[in-house]
Amino acid sequence: QVQLVESGGGLVQPGGSLTLSCAAFGFPFSSEVMNWYRQTPGTQRELVATITSNGGHTNNVPTVRGRFTISKDNAKSMLYLQMNSLHYVATAVYYCNVDMGPSNEDEYWGQGTQVTVSS
């Protein structure tokens, strides 16, 4: 059974840093592209960062480029999001995601972890 479990969220001051983790279970993690999304109340989930299956290539949305780093440890089936220089606008629930096929049933989400940037 596919399962994604995020952790590492919390309250951080503006300009601070936080690292999110996602433990993956039940699928061939090393073979899959992985994503981080975020969502604020009343909005659609926004793709934040993507990493290829072997971790060799990453892509971030322009709003976080240079400040957020996505990485994965295939040996541990772990996905990470290092977030630096956090702004208030980064406040959101962050979700780990894997999309393994064309059907909606092939896409999986974690339960989310809350990140709050506040002084």
Protein backbone atom coordinates (compact mmCIF):
# COMPACT_ATOMS: atom_id res chain seq x y z
CA GLN A 1 0.00 0.00 0.00
CA VAL A 2 1.38 3.36 -1.04
CA GLN A 3 1.90 5.74 1.83
CA LEU A 4 3.55 9.15 2.08
CA VAL A 5 4.19 10.62 5.52
CA GLU A 6 5.37 14.20 5.85
CA SER A 7 7.05 15.70 8.88
CA GLY A 8 9.09 18.73 9.86
CA GLY A 9 6.56 21.51 9.62
CA GLY A 10 6.13 24.11 12.30
CA LEU A 11 6.37 27.77 13.21
CA VAL A 12 9.35 29.71 11.93
CA GLN A 13 10.23 33.39 11.91
CA PRO A 14 10.58 35.30 8.64
CA GLY A 15 14.02 34.74 7.21
CA GLY A 16 14.34 31.42 8.97
CA SER A 17 14.81 27.92 7.65
CA LEU A 18 12.95 24.66 7.86
CA THR A 19 13.44 21.20 6.38
CA LEU A 20 10.47 19.05 5.50
CA SER A 21 10.74 15.28 5.18
CA CYS A 22 8.55 12.72 3.48
CA ALA A 23 8.85 8.99 4.16
CA ALA A 24 7.62 6.84 1.29
CA PHE A 25 6.28 3.32 1.53
CA GLY A 26 4.78 0.72 -0.75
CA PHE A 27 6.16 1.65 -4.17
CA PRO A 28 9.51 1.73 -5.99
CA PHE A 29 10.63 5.10 -4.68
CA SER A 30 13.89 5.11 -6.62
CA SER A 31 11.98 4.80 -9.89
CA GLU A 32 9.61 7.71 -9.41
CA VAL A 33 9.64 11.45 -9.91
CA MET A 34 8.62 13.11 -6.65
CA ASN A 35 6.99 16.45 -5.96
CA TRP A 36 6.30 18.92 -3.18
CA TYR A 37 3.08 20.92 -3.33
CA ARG A 38 1.62 23.51 -1.00
CA GLN A 39 -1.84 24.84 -0.35
CA THR A 40 -3.34 27.77 1.51
CA PRO A 41 -7.01 27.98 2.51
CA GLY A 42 -9.31 28.66 -0.42
CA THR A 43 -6.68 28.00 -3.07
CA GLN A 44 -5.65 25.09 -5.24
CA ARG A 45 -2.56 23.12 -4.45
CA GLU A 46 0.51 24.68 -6.02
CA LEU A 47 3.48 22.71 -7.30
CA VAL A 48 6.58 23.89 -5.47
CA ALA A 49 9.38 21.57 -6.54
CA THR A 50 10.05 18.41 -8.54
CA ILE A 51 12.91 15.94 -8.55
CA THR A 52 13.68 13.18 -11.02
CA SER A 53 13.78 9.55 -9.98
CA ASN A 54 17.55 9.41 -9.53
CA GLY A 55 17.71 12.87 -8.00
CA GLY A 56 19.84 14.17 -10.82
CA HIS A 57 17.53 16.97 -11.88
CA THR A 58 15.31 19.30 -9.95
CA ASN A 59 12.95 22.12 -10.78
CA ASN A 60 11.44 24.75 -8.54
CA VAL A 61 8.75 27.27 -9.24
CA PRO A 62 10.18 30.77 -9.74
CA THR A 63 8.81 32.06 -6.43
CA VAL A 64 11.03 29.71 -4.43
CA ARG A 65 13.98 29.32 -6.77
CA GLY A 66 17.26 29.87 -4.99
CA ARG A 67 15.69 29.46 -1.56
CA PHE A 68 14.09 25.99 -1.59
CA THR A 69 15.97 22.78 -2.40
CA ILE A 70 14.32 19.45 -3.09
CA SER A 71 16.31 16.28 -2.62
CA LYS A 72 15.73 12.56 -2.22
CA ASP A 73 17.55 9.67 -0.61
CA ASN A 74 16.62 6.59 -2.60
CA ALA A 75 18.36 4.26 -0.16
CA LYS A 76 16.08 5.49 2.63
CA SER A 77 12.98 6.21 0.49
CA MET A 78 12.97 9.75 1.81
CA LEU A 79 12.11 13.04 0.14
CA TYR A 80 13.18 16.39 1.54
CA LEU A 81 12.49 20.07 1.05
CA GLN A 82 15.04 22.46 2.51
CA MET A 83 13.47 25.91 2.81
CA ASN A 84 15.62 28.96 3.48
CA SER A 85 14.91 32.67 3.76
CA LEU A 86 11.26 31.98 4.43
CA HIS A 87 8.71 34.70 3.72
CA TYR A 88 5.26 35.11 5.21
CA VAL A 89 3.82 33.94 1.87
CA ALA A 90 5.38 30.52 2.41
CA THR A 91 2.78 29.82 5.08
CA ALA A 92 0.84 26.81 3.81
CA VAL A 93 0.26 23.11 4.21
CA TYR A 94 2.98 21.27 2.33
CA TYR A 95 2.29 17.94 0.66
CA CYS A 96 4.49 15.18 -0.67
CA ASN A 97 3.25 13.77 -3.97
CA VAL A 98 3.93 10.97 -6.41
CA ASP A 99 2.11 10.48 -9.72
CA MET A 100 2.78 7.07 -11.14
CA GLY A 101 0.38 6.95 -14.06
CA PRO A 102 -2.36 8.54 -16.16
CA SER A 103 -5.24 7.73 -13.84
CA ASN A 104 -6.21 9.70 -10.74
CA GLU A 105 -5.84 6.44 -8.85
CA ASP A 106 -2.15 6.46 -9.73
CA GLU A 107 -1.52 9.69 -7.83
CA TYR A 108 -0.84 9.73 -4.11
CA TRP A 109 -0.58 12.44 -1.47
CA GLY A 110 0.66 12.61 2.06
CA GLN A 111 -1.45 14.05 4.85
CA GLY A 112 0.39 17.35 4.72
CA THR A 113 2.49 19.28 7.19
CA GLN A 114 1.73 22.85 8.25
CA VAL A 115 4.38 25.51 7.82
CA THR A 116 3.68 28.86 9.43
CA VAL A 117 5.99 31.81 8.90
CA SER A 118 5.28 34.42 11.52
CA SER A 119 7.06 36.75 13.88
